[in-house]
Amino acid sequence: MIDLPARTRRVSGTRLLDLCIERGIGSVVDPFMGYPTHLAVLKRHGIAVHGGDLLEWFVRAGEGLIVNDFTVLRDAEVAELVEMLPGRIYPTDLFRAWEGVFFSEDQCRYLGVWHANVHALRSDGQTGLAIAGLWHVLCHWLLKSSHPDEMLDVPPSELAWHYVRETDRWVVQNGKRNTVRRADFAATLGAVNADAVYLALPGRTGARRIDARVWMWEAWWTGDPYLNVERLYRDTVFGGTANDDGSYDRAIADVLVAAQQAPYVILQASPRDAKRFEALVRAHRPIVEVVTPAADEIYVIGKR
């Protein structure tokens, strides 16, 4: 059984929207965006959004949810996506290494089918939507493996159909240029001018404790079940040298320096780190306020 943490990086799109509206913020950049539904919420309400991340599947999902304004997957296209197509040769053993460890033989076979079908899609928007929808299938399977008696058995293609069709509701246009890029925080912040930089920072050991639902989907997208995503973070400011408080604080300071051109910086903090993060922001911004909508939800907001 794989360990699924009860709490992971949680970002509230509606809370972030409220903070932006109250301050007249019309554009936001998140250089550690992760799965970008919070940016999709802002986009839906007319705010220009920009994101960056080191994991390719996050960026591909962003191309469907953030950059894409009109493209959807129609019923016929979803049907071709979730099942084997006649005449096409599929790498059905591509994810055999996960069989019996994480998934059943049938589930591993479908992961290979979906990998081939998604890579055959014709547009970045469709690809991003398919990746986002099928990721929820992976989450469903992993959750069911932890709680086998509490969830219904649903055929893989039927489950995939349901989740991929759900992605339609995220496709909107806001009349703004919205972007995502695969890059570190410095490249992302250097490429975009925005009213606010939003930061939900990686933890000290974020690369080594990355959620299975995240690293497995990067492995699925690349077609390498043995992929080690830690290497993507090793040489970043939040890599292997940021385990102690001093190194971690210096890494945060580097990000705040890179964000200095934005009028606002919004730093999400836990109760444990709130005081330290506030002190770090005060070292780089003359005006700082701390917003605490809930006991475990704190935002340190610095204004230039």
C-alpha atoms as a PDB file:
ATOM      1  CA  MET A   1       0.000   0.000   0.000  1.00  0.00           C
ATOM      2  CA  ILE A   2       1.328   3.422  -0.910  1.00  0.00           C
ATOM      3  CA  ASP A   3       1.297   6.200   1.674  1.00  0.00           C
ATOM      4  CA  LEU A   4      -0.933   9.122   0.722  1.00  0.00           C
ATOM      5  CA  PRO A   5      -0.542  12.141   3.003  1.00  0.00           C
ATOM      6  CA  ALA A   6      -3.803  13.457   4.404  1.00  0.00           C
ATOM      7  CA  ARG A   7      -2.697  17.032   3.718  1.00  0.00           C
ATOM      8  CA  THR A   8      -0.650  18.236   0.794  1.00  0.00           C
ATOM      9  CA  ARG A   9       0.093  21.675  -0.609  1.00  0.00           C
ATOM     10  CA  ARG A  10      -3.347  23.279  -0.413  1.00  0.00           C
ATOM     11  CA  VAL A  11      -4.095  26.447  -2.332  1.00  0.00           C
ATOM     12  CA  SER A  12      -7.524  28.056  -2.226  1.00  0.00           C
ATOM     13  CA  GLY A  13      -8.329  29.752  -5.520  1.00  0.00           C
ATOM     14  CA  THR A  14     -11.350  31.551  -4.073  1.00  0.00           C
ATOM     15  CA  ARG A  15      -9.330  32.862  -1.117  1.00  0.00           C
ATOM     16  CA  LEU A  16      -6.613  34.090  -3.449  1.00  0.00           C
ATOM     17  CA  LEU A  17      -9.293  35.722  -5.603  1.00  0.00           C
ATOM     18  CA  ASP A  18     -10.652  37.609  -2.586  1.00  0.00           C
ATOM     19  CA  LEU A  19      -7.164  38.881  -1.719  1.00  0.00           C
ATOM     20  CA  CYS A  20      -6.664  40.088  -5.300  1.00  0.00           C
ATOM     21  CA  ILE A  21     -10.044  41.821  -5.564  1.00  0.00           C
ATOM     22  CA  GLU A  22      -9.578  43.638  -2.249  1.00  0.00           C
ATOM     23  CA  ARG A  23      -6.289  45.097  -3.499  1.00  0.00           C
ATOM     24  CA  GLY A  24      -7.183  45.768  -7.120  1.00  0.00           C
ATOM     25  CA  ILE A  25      -4.756  43.155  -8.420  1.00  0.00           C
ATOM     26  CA  GLY A  26      -5.361  42.433 -12.097  1.00  0.00           C
ATOM     27  CA  SER A  27      -2.580  39.943 -12.850  1.00  0.00           C
ATOM     28  CA  VAL A  28      -0.828  37.215 -10.869  1.00  0.00           C
ATOM     29  CA  VAL A  29       2.225  35.045 -11.452  1.00  0.00           C
ATOM     30  CA  ASP A  30       2.887  31.830  -9.516  1.00  0.00           C
ATOM     31  CA  PRO A  31       6.413  30.464 -10.133  1.00  0.00           C
ATOM     32  CA  PHE A  32       5.670  27.278  -8.135  1.00  0.00           C
ATOM     33  CA  MET A  33       2.213  26.703  -9.553  1.00  0.00           C
ATOM     34  CA  GLY A  34       1.812  22.915  -9.210  1.00  0.00           C
ATOM     35  CA  TYR A  35      -1.582  21.727 -10.407  1.00  0.00           C
ATOM     36  CA  PRO A  36      -3.001  25.104 -11.505  1.00  0.00           C
ATOM     37  CA  THR A  37      -6.695  25.027 -10.572  1.00  0.00           C
ATOM     38  CA  HIS A  38      -6.172  28.075  -8.307  1.00  0.00           C
ATOM     39  CA  LEU A  39      -4.948  30.026 -11.331  1.00  0.00           C
ATOM     40  CA  ALA A  40      -7.930  28.747 -13.323  1.00  0.00           C
ATOM     41  CA  VAL A  41     -10.245  30.262 -10.683  1.00  0.00           C
ATOM     42  CA  LEU A  42      -8.528  33.638 -11.064  1.00  0.00           C
ATOM     43  CA  LYS A  43      -8.684  33.374 -14.853  1.00  0.00           C
ATOM     44  CA  ARG A  44     -12.407  32.674 -14.727  1.00  0.00           C
ATOM     45  CA  HIS A  45     -12.888  35.961 -12.852  1.00  0.00           C
ATOM     46  CA  GLY A  46     -10.953  38.121 -15.327  1.00  0.00           C
ATOM     47  CA  ILE A  47      -7.490  38.153 -13.760  1.00  0.00           C
ATOM     48  CA  ALA A  48      -4.523  37.521 -16.053  1.00  0.00           C
ATOM     49  CA  VAL A  49      -2.543  34.559 -14.738  1.00  0.00           C
ATOM     50  CA  HIS A  50       0.924  33.198 -15.368  1.00  0.00           C
ATOM     51  CA  GLY A  51       2.550  30.096 -13.945  1.00  0.00           C
ATOM     52  CA  GLY A  52       5.752  28.144 -13.981  1.00  0.00           C
ATOM     53  CA  ASP A  53       6.923  24.801 -12.667  1.00  0.00           C
ATOM     54  CA  LEU A  54       9.717  22.277 -13.103  1.00  0.00           C
ATOM     55  CA  LEU A  55       7.422  19.283 -13.594  1.00  0.00           C
ATOM     56  CA  GLU A  56       6.336  18.943 -17.209  1.00  0.00           C
ATOM     57  CA  TRP A  57       2.905  17.470 -16.515  1.00  0.00           C
ATOM     58  CA  PHE A  58       1.969  20.494 -14.395  1.00  0.00           C
ATOM     59  CA  VAL A  59       2.903  22.733 -17.317  1.00  0.00           C
ATOM     60  CA  ARG A  60       1.029  20.559 -19.824  1.00  0.00           C
ATOM     61  CA  ALA A  61      -2.058  20.647 -17.601  1.00  0.00           C
ATOM     62  CA  GLY A  62      -1.658  24.422 -17.439  1.00  0.00           C
ATOM     63  CA  GLU A  63      -1.707  24.591 -21.227  1.00  0.00           C
ATOM     64  CA  GLY A  64      -5.170  23.033 -21.086  1.00  0.00           C
ATOM     65  CA  LEU A  65      -6.548  24.883 -18.055  1.00  0.00           C
ATOM     66  CA  ILE A  66      -4.761  28.255 -18.228  1.00  0.00           C
ATOM     67  CA  VAL A  67      -3.488  29.029 -21.746  1.00  0.00           C
ATOM     68  CA  ASN A  68      -6.346  27.319 -23.561  1.00  0.00           C
ATOM     69  CA  ASP A  69      -9.428  29.529 -24.020  1.00  0.00           C
ATOM     70  CA  PHE A  70     -11.705  27.543 -26.322  1.00  0.00           C
ATOM     71  CA  THR A  71     -10.558  23.981 -27.063  1.00  0.00           C
ATOM     72  CA  VAL A  72     -12.458  21.114 -25.436  1.00  0.00           C
ATOM     73  CA  LEU A  73     -12.488  17.353 -25.904  1.00  0.00           C
ATOM     74  CA  ARG A  74     -15.707  16.339 -27.651  1.00  0.00           C
ATOM     75  CA  ASP A  75     -17.454  13.062 -26.893  1.00  0.00           C
ATOM     76  CA  ALA A  76     -16.009  11.275 -29.916  1.00  0.00           C
ATOM     77  CA  GLU A  77     -12.495  12.440 -29.014  1.00  0.00           C
ATOM     78  CA  VAL A  78     -12.893  11.312 -25.404  1.00  0.00           C
ATOM     79  CA  ALA A  79     -14.106   7.904 -26.623  1.00  0.00           C
ATOM     80  CA  GLU A  80     -10.963   7.554 -28.761  1.00  0.00           C
ATOM     81  CA  LEU A  81      -8.823   8.658 -25.833  1.00  0.00           C
ATOM     82  CA  VAL A  82      -9.998   6.219 -23.174  1.00  0.00           C
ATOM     83  CA  GLU A  83     -10.034   2.973 -25.200  1.00  0.00           C
ATOM     84  CA  MET A  84      -7.735   1.052 -27.546  1.00  0.00           C
ATOM     85  CA  LEU A  85      -8.188   2.096 -31.158  1.00  0.00           C
ATOM     86  CA  PRO A  86      -8.339  -0.571 -33.876  1.00  0.00           C
ATOM     87  CA  GLY A  87      -5.162  -0.854 -35.891  1.00  0.00           C
ATOM     88  CA  ARG A  88      -2.922   0.941 -33.406  1.00  0.00           C
ATOM     89  CA  ILE A  89      -0.120  -0.881 -31.598  1.00  0.00           C
ATOM     90  CA  TYR A  90      -0.028  -0.005 -27.907  1.00  0.00           C
ATOM     91  CA  PRO A  91       2.812  -0.263 -25.362  1.00  0.00           C
ATOM     92  CA  THR A  92       0.644  -2.236 -22.958  1.00  0.00           C
ATOM     93  CA  ASP A  93       3.644  -3.364 -20.912  1.00  0.00           C
ATOM     94  CA  LEU A  94       5.119   0.135 -20.526  1.00  0.00           C
ATOM     95  CA  PHE A  95       4.054   0.359 -16.883  1.00  0.00           C
ATOM     96  CA  ARG A  96       4.393  -3.304 -15.972  1.00  0.00           C
ATOM     97  CA  ALA A  97       6.907  -2.286 -13.279  1.00  0.00           C
ATOM     98  CA  TRP A  98       3.960  -0.894 -11.278  1.00  0.00           C
ATOM     99  CA  GLU A  99       1.882  -4.068 -11.593  1.00  0.00           C
ATOM    100  CA  GLY A 100       1.203  -5.701  -8.249  1.00  0.00           C
ATOM    101  CA  VAL A 101       2.985  -2.837  -6.470  1.00  0.00           C
ATOM    102  CA  PHE A 102       0.652   0.069  -7.098  1.00  0.00           C
ATOM    103  CA  PHE A 103      -1.897  -1.132  -9.662  1.00  0.00           C
ATOM    104  CA  SER A 104      -3.499  -4.216 -11.166  1.00  0.00           C
ATOM    105  CA  GLU A 105      -2.521  -5.716 -14.523  1.00  0.00           C
ATOM    106  CA  ASP A 106      -5.598  -4.189 -16.163  1.00  0.00           C
ATOM    107  CA  GLN A 107      -4.884  -0.737 -14.738  1.00  0.00           C
ATOM    108  CA  CYS A 108      -1.264  -0.853 -15.919  1.00  0.00           C
ATOM    109  CA  ARG A 109      -2.427  -1.854 -19.390  1.00  0.00           C
ATOM    110  CA  TYR A 110      -4.774   1.134 -19.543  1.00  0.00           C
ATOM    111  CA  LEU A 111      -2.024   3.470 -18.350  1.00  0.00           C
ATOM    112  CA  GLY A 112      -0.032   2.395 -21.405  1.00  0.00           C
ATOM    113  CA  VAL A 113      -3.036   2.877 -23.692  1.00  0.00           C
ATOM    114  CA  TRP A 114      -3.765   6.351 -22.343  1.00  0.00           C
ATOM    115  CA  HIS A 115      -0.098   7.323 -22.568  1.00  0.00           C
ATOM    116  CA  ALA A 116      -0.105   6.525 -26.291  1.00  0.00           C
ATOM    117  CA  ASN A 117      -3.486   8.138 -26.977  1.00  0.00           C
ATOM    118  CA  VAL A 118      -2.671  11.379 -25.144  1.00  0.00           C
ATOM    119  CA  HIS A 119       0.628  11.743 -26.961  1.00  0.00           C
ATOM    120  CA  ALA A 120      -1.279  11.381 -30.239  1.00  0.00           C
ATOM    121  CA  LEU A 121      -3.626  14.319 -29.559  1.00  0.00           C
ATOM    122  CA  ARG A 122      -3.385  17.185 -31.998  1.00  0.00           C
ATOM    123  CA  SER A 123      -3.323  20.291 -29.800  1.00  0.00           C
ATOM    124  CA  ASP A 124      -1.693  21.460 -26.583  1.00  0.00           C
ATOM    125  CA  GLY A 125      -5.096  22.394 -25.202  1.00  0.00           C
ATOM    126  CA  GLN A 126      -6.540  18.920 -25.723  1.00  0.00           C
ATOM    127  CA  THR A 127      -3.385  17.304 -24.369  1.00  0.00           C
ATOM    128  CA  GLY A 128      -3.515  19.428 -21.231  1.00  0.00           C
ATOM    129  CA  LEU A 129      -7.179  18.643 -20.595  1.00  0.00           C
ATOM    130  CA  ALA A 130      -6.586  14.916 -21.097  1.00  0.00           C
ATOM    131  CA  ILE A 131      -3.630  14.937 -18.689  1.00  0.00           C
ATOM    132  CA  ALA A 132      -5.686  16.806 -16.088  1.00  0.00           C
ATOM    133  CA  GLY A 133      -8.668  14.471 -16.415  1.00  0.00           C
ATOM    134  CA  LEU A 134      -6.702  11.230 -16.400  1.00  0.00           C
ATOM    135  CA  TRP A 135      -4.688  12.369 -13.385  1.00  0.00           C
ATOM    136  CA  HIS A 136      -7.890  12.167 -11.368  1.00  0.00           C
ATOM    137  CA  VAL A 137      -8.181   8.527 -12.425  1.00  0.00           C
ATOM    138  CA  LEU A 138      -4.726   7.873 -10.950  1.00  0.00           C
ATOM    139  CA  CYS A 139      -5.774   9.661  -7.731  1.00  0.00           C
ATOM    140  CA  HIS A 140      -8.968   7.576  -7.613  1.00  0.00           C
ATOM    141  CA  TRP A 141      -7.039   4.325  -8.010  1.00  0.00           C
ATOM    142  CA  LEU A 142      -4.465   5.199  -5.350  1.00  0.00           C
ATOM    143  CA  LEU A 143      -7.176   6.240  -2.917  1.00  0.00           C
ATOM    144  CA  LYS A 144      -9.121   3.055  -3.587  1.00  0.00           C
ATOM    145  CA  SER A 145      -6.017   0.961  -2.928  1.00  0.00           C
ATOM    146  CA  SER A 146      -5.884   2.553   0.522  1.00  0.00           C
ATOM    147  CA  HIS A 147      -9.623   2.186   1.150  1.00  0.00           C
ATOM    148  CA  PRO A 148     -10.707  -0.784  -0.989  1.00  0.00           C
ATOM    149  CA  ASP A 149     -14.055  -1.352   0.709  1.00  0.00           C
ATOM    150  CA  GLU A 150     -15.204   2.256   0.649  1.00  0.00           C
ATOM    151  CA  MET A 151     -15.182   2.938  -3.101  1.00  0.00           C
ATOM    152  CA  LEU A 152     -17.027   1.316  -5.978  1.00  0.00           C
ATOM    153  CA  ASP A 153     -15.256  -0.690  -8.681  1.00  0.00           C
ATOM    154  CA  VAL A 154     -15.561   1.269 -11.923  1.00  0.00           C
ATOM    155  CA  PRO A 155     -14.141   0.033 -15.266  1.00  0.00           C
ATOM    156  CA  PRO A 156     -11.035   2.062 -16.232  1.00  0.00           C
ATOM    157  CA  SER A 157     -12.468   3.447 -19.485  1.00  0.00           C
ATOM    158  CA  GLU A 158     -15.710   4.489 -17.781  1.00  0.00           C
ATOM    159  CA  LEU A 159     -13.822   6.196 -14.965  1.00  0.00           C
ATOM    160  CA  ALA A 160     -11.562   7.967 -17.458  1.00  0.00           C
ATOM    161  CA  TRP A 161     -14.556   9.119 -19.498  1.00  0.00           C
ATOM    162  CA  HIS A 162     -16.126  10.691 -16.414  1.00  0.00           C
ATOM    163  CA  TYR A 163     -13.050  12.608 -15.310  1.00  0.00           C
ATOM    164  CA  VAL A 164     -11.974  13.781 -18.764  1.00  0.00           C
ATOM    165  CA  ARG A 165     -15.473  15.080 -19.541  1.00  0.00           C
ATOM    166  CA  GLU A 166     -15.320  17.047 -16.265  1.00  0.00           C
ATOM    167  CA  THR A 167     -12.449  19.157 -17.634  1.00  0.00           C
ATOM    168  CA  ASP A 168     -14.819  21.079 -19.921  1.00  0.00           C
ATOM    169  CA  ARG A 169     -15.950  23.226 -17.010  1.00  0.00           C
ATOM    170  CA  TRP A 170     -12.448  24.669 -16.615  1.00  0.00           C
ATOM    171  CA  VAL A 171     -12.253  25.984 -20.190  1.00  0.00           C
ATOM    172  CA  VAL A 172     -13.005  29.716 -20.186  1.00  0.00           C
ATOM    173  CA  GLN A 173     -11.571  32.825 -21.778  1.00  0.00           C
ATOM    174  CA  ASN A 174     -10.984  36.097 -19.940  1.00  0.00           C
ATOM    175  CA  GLY A 175      -9.771  38.350 -22.733  1.00  0.00           C
ATOM    176  CA  LYS A 176      -6.242  38.325 -21.281  1.00  0.00           C
ATOM    177  CA  ARG A 177      -2.970  36.705 -22.265  1.00  0.00           C
ATOM    178  CA  ASN A 178      -2.370  33.847 -19.846  1.00  0.00           C
ATOM    179  CA  THR A 179       0.852  31.838 -19.898  1.00  0.00           C
ATOM    180  CA  VAL A 180       2.611  28.841 -18.368  1.00  0.00           C
ATOM    181  CA  ARG A 181       6.215  27.740 -18.781  1.00  0.00           C
ATOM    182  CA  ARG A 182       8.496  24.969 -17.650  1.00  0.00           C
ATOM    183  CA  ALA A 183      11.150  26.922 -15.804  1.00  0.00           C
ATOM    184  CA  ASP A 184      12.537  27.714 -12.377  1.00  0.00           C
ATOM    185  CA  PHE A 185      11.230  30.668 -10.374  1.00  0.00           C
ATOM    186  CA  ALA A 186      13.862  33.129 -11.646  1.00  0.00           C
ATOM    187  CA  ALA A 187      13.093  32.468 -15.317  1.00  0.00           C
ATOM    188  CA  THR A 188       9.335  32.622 -14.722  1.00  0.00           C
ATOM    189  CA  LEU A 189       9.477  35.897 -12.763  1.00  0.00           C
ATOM    190  CA  GLY A 190      11.925  37.392 -15.256  1.00  0.00           C
ATOM    191  CA  ALA A 191       9.612  36.651 -18.184  1.00  0.00           C
ATOM    192  CA  VAL A 192       6.410  38.141 -16.753  1.00  0.00           C
ATOM    193  CA  ASN A 193       5.363  41.505 -15.338  1.00  0.00           C
ATOM    194  CA  ALA A 194       2.404  41.067 -12.985  1.00  0.00           C
ATOM    195  CA  ASP A 195       0.678  43.025 -10.231  1.00  0.00           C
ATOM    196  CA  ALA A 196       1.325  40.259  -7.718  1.00  0.00           C
ATOM    197  CA  VAL A 197       3.596  37.284  -7.186  1.00  0.00           C
ATOM    198  CA  TYR A 198       1.889  34.447  -5.343  1.00  0.00           C
ATOM    199  CA  LEU A 199       4.139  32.030  -3.459  1.00  0.00           C
ATOM    200  CA  ALA A 200       3.207  28.691  -1.929  1.00  0.00           C
ATOM    201  CA  LEU A 201       6.790  27.609  -1.412  1.00  0.00           C
ATOM    202  CA  PRO A 202       8.209  24.084  -1.542  1.00  0.00           C
ATOM    203  CA  GLY A 203       9.073  22.558   1.805  1.00  0.00           C
ATOM    204  CA  ARG A 204      12.613  21.952   2.991  1.00  0.00           C
ATOM    205  CA  THR A 205      12.558  18.358   1.763  1.00  0.00           C
ATOM    206  CA  GLY A 206       9.887  18.837  -0.874  1.00  0.00           C
ATOM    207  CA  ALA A 207      11.696  16.881  -3.594  1.00  0.00           C
ATOM    208  CA  ARG A 208      12.315  13.831  -1.408  1.00  0.00           C
ATOM    209  CA  ARG A 209       8.803  13.825   0.047  1.00  0.00           C
ATOM    210  CA  ILE A 210       6.897  14.634  -3.115  1.00  0.00           C
ATOM    211  CA  ASP A 211       3.392  13.194  -3.185  1.00  0.00           C
ATOM    212  CA  ALA A 212       3.010   9.905  -5.073  1.00  0.00           C
ATOM    213  CA  ARG A 213       0.098  11.394  -7.011  1.00  0.00           C
ATOM    214  CA  VAL A 214       2.511  13.991  -8.392  1.00  0.00           C
ATOM    215  CA  TRP A 215       5.690  12.044  -9.175  1.00  0.00           C
ATOM    216  CA  MET A 216       3.807   9.069 -10.614  1.00  0.00           C
ATOM    217  CA  TRP A 217       2.022  11.272 -13.120  1.00  0.00           C
ATOM    218  CA  GLU A 218       5.299  12.833 -14.234  1.00  0.00           C
ATOM    219  CA  ALA A 219       6.595   9.289 -14.692  1.00  0.00           C
ATOM    220  CA  TRP A 220       3.467   8.372 -16.638  1.00  0.00           C
ATOM    221  CA  TRP A 221       3.744  11.385 -18.940  1.00  0.00           C
ATOM    222  CA  THR A 222       7.397  10.686 -19.716  1.00  0.00           C
ATOM    223  CA  GLY A 223       6.757   6.944 -20.121  1.00  0.00           C
ATOM    224  CA  ASP A 224       9.372   6.031 -17.506  1.00  0.00           C
ATOM    225  CA  PRO A 225       7.960   4.196 -14.461  1.00  0.00           C
ATOM    226  CA  TYR A 226      11.389   4.433 -12.779  1.00  0.00           C
ATOM    227  CA  LEU A 227      11.631   8.223 -13.099  1.00  0.00           C
ATOM    228  CA  ASN A 228      13.203  10.020 -10.141  1.00  0.00           C
ATOM    229  CA  VAL A 229      11.874  13.581  -9.997  1.00  0.00           C
ATOM    230  CA  GLU A 230      14.252  14.554  -7.196  1.00  0.00           C
ATOM    231  CA  ARG A 231      16.903  15.296  -9.818  1.00  0.00           C
ATOM    232  CA  LEU A 232      14.758  18.153 -11.144  1.00  0.00           C
ATOM    233  CA  TYR A 233      15.037  19.960  -7.815  1.00  0.00           C
ATOM    234  CA  ARG A 234      18.563  18.999  -6.781  1.00  0.00           C
ATOM    235  CA  ASP A 235      20.266  22.077  -8.224  1.00  0.00           C
ATOM    236  CA  THR A 236      17.567  24.617  -7.332  1.00  0.00           C
ATOM    237  CA  VAL A 237      17.614  26.934  -4.304  1.00  0.00           C
ATOM    238  CA  PHE A 238      15.165  24.547  -2.617  1.00  0.00           C
ATOM    239  CA  GLY A 239      17.301  21.506  -3.396  1.00  0.00           C
ATOM    240  CA  GLY A 240      19.396  19.370  -1.088  1.00  0.00           C
ATOM    241  CA  THR A 241      21.062  22.299   0.712  1.00  0.00           C
ATOM    242  CA  ALA A 242      17.861  23.881   2.061  1.00  0.00           C
ATOM    243  CA  ASN A 243      17.166  21.485   4.929  1.00  0.00           C
ATOM    244  CA  ASP A 244      18.194  23.766   7.806  1.00  0.00           C
ATOM    245  CA  ASP A 245      16.437  27.014   8.736  1.00  0.00           C
ATOM    246  CA  GLY A 246      19.274  29.269   7.594  1.00  0.00           C
ATOM    247  CA  SER A 247      19.577  27.721   4.120  1.00  0.00           C
ATOM    248  CA  TYR A 248      15.809  27.632   3.685  1.00  0.00           C
ATOM    249  CA  ASP A 249      15.495  31.298   4.676  1.00  0.00           C
ATOM    250  CA  ARG A 250      18.206  32.257   2.198  1.00  0.00           C
ATOM    251  CA  ALA A 251      16.347  30.363  -0.521  1.00  0.00           C
ATOM    252  CA  ILE A 252      13.147  32.264   0.291  1.00  0.00           C
ATOM    253  CA  ALA A 253      15.092  35.543   0.241  1.00  0.00           C
ATOM    254  CA  ASP A 254      16.361  34.704  -3.262  1.00  0.00           C
ATOM    255  CA  VAL A 255      12.760  34.282  -4.420  1.00  0.00           C
ATOM    256  CA  LEU A 256      11.674  37.562  -2.802  1.00  0.00           C
ATOM    257  CA  VAL A 257      14.537  39.383  -4.524  1.00  0.00           C
ATOM    258  CA  ALA A 258      13.482  37.933  -7.880  1.00  0.00           C
ATOM    259  CA  ALA A 259       9.908  39.114  -7.173  1.00  0.00           C
ATOM    260  CA  GLN A 260      10.869  42.675  -6.228  1.00  0.00           C
ATOM    261  CA  GLN A 261       9.478  44.296  -9.415  1.00  0.00           C
ATOM    262  CA  ALA A 262       5.915  43.230  -8.606  1.00  0.00           C
ATOM    263  CA  PRO A 263       3.847  45.707  -6.555  1.00  0.00           C
ATOM    264  CA  TYR A 264       2.588  42.873  -4.329  1.00  0.00           C
ATOM    265  CA  VAL A 265       3.948  39.583  -3.062  1.00  0.00           C
ATOM    266  CA  ILE A 266       1.523  37.148  -1.427  1.00  0.00           C
ATOM    267  CA  LEU A 267       3.262  34.439   0.575  1.00  0.00           C
ATOM    268  CA  GLN A 268       1.166  31.575   1.926  1.00  0.00           C
ATOM    269  CA  ALA A 269       2.379  30.330   5.303  1.00  0.00           C
ATOM    270  CA  SER A 270       1.590  27.714   7.893  1.00  0.00           C
ATOM    271  CA  PRO A 271       1.088  28.699  11.553  1.00  0.00           C
ATOM    272  CA  ARG A 272       4.541  27.272  12.327  1.00  0.00           C
ATOM    273  CA  ASP A 273       6.318  29.418   9.708  1.00  0.00           C
ATOM    274  CA  ALA A 274       4.179  32.569   9.737  1.00  0.00           C
ATOM    275  CA  LYS A 275       6.410  34.681  12.017  1.00  0.00           C
ATOM    276  CA  ARG A 276       9.595  33.740  10.172  1.00  0.00           C
ATOM    277  CA  PHE A 277       8.023  34.372   6.768  1.00  0.00           C
ATOM    278  CA  GLU A 278       6.703  37.736   7.955  1.00  0.00           C
ATOM    279  CA  ALA A 279      10.204  38.772   9.045  1.00  0.00           C
ATOM    280  CA  LEU A 280      11.615  37.706   5.680  1.00  0.00           C
ATOM    281  CA  VAL A 281       9.003  39.694   3.758  1.00  0.00           C
ATOM    282  CA  ARG A 282       9.567  42.772   5.962  1.00  0.00           C
ATOM    283  CA  ALA A 283      13.237  42.690   4.973  1.00  0.00           C
ATOM    284  CA  HIS A 284      12.214  43.203   1.327  1.00  0.00           C
ATOM    285  CA  ARG A 285       8.938  45.168   1.472  1.00  0.00           C
ATOM    286  CA  PRO A 286       8.145  48.408   3.359  1.00  0.00           C
ATOM    287  CA  ILE A 287       4.475  47.583   3.916  1.00  0.00           C
ATOM    288  CA  VAL A 288       3.483  44.153   5.239  1.00  0.00           C
ATOM    289  CA  GLU A 289       0.165  42.804   6.443  1.00  0.00           C
ATOM    290  CA  VAL A 290      -0.772  39.363   7.694  1.00  0.00           C
ATOM    291  CA  VAL A 291      -4.175  37.993   6.734  1.00  0.00           C
ATOM    292  CA  THR A 292      -5.470  34.989   8.682  1.00  0.00           C
ATOM    293  CA  PRO A 293      -8.792  33.742   7.246  1.00  0.00           C
ATOM    294  CA  ALA A 294      -8.496  30.517   9.274  1.00  0.00           C
ATOM    295  CA  ALA A 295      -6.243  29.168  11.996  1.00  0.00           C
ATOM    296  CA  ASP A 296      -4.268  27.039   9.529  1.00  0.00           C
ATOM    297  CA  GLU A 297      -4.426  29.468   6.598  1.00  0.00           C
ATOM    298  CA  ILE A 298      -2.156  32.514   6.753  1.00  0.00           C
ATOM    299  CA  TYR A 299      -1.066  34.936   4.040  1.00  0.00           C
ATOM    300  CA  VAL A 300       1.836  37.355   4.445  1.00  0.00           C
ATOM    301  CA  ILE A 301       1.280  40.183   1.955  1.00  0.00           C
ATOM    302  CA  GLY A 302       4.052  42.629   1.143  1.00  0.00           C
ATOM    303  CA  LYS A 303       3.502  45.833  -0.807  1.00  0.00           C
ATOM    304  CA  ARG A 304       6.211  47.738  -2.592  1.00  0.00           C
END
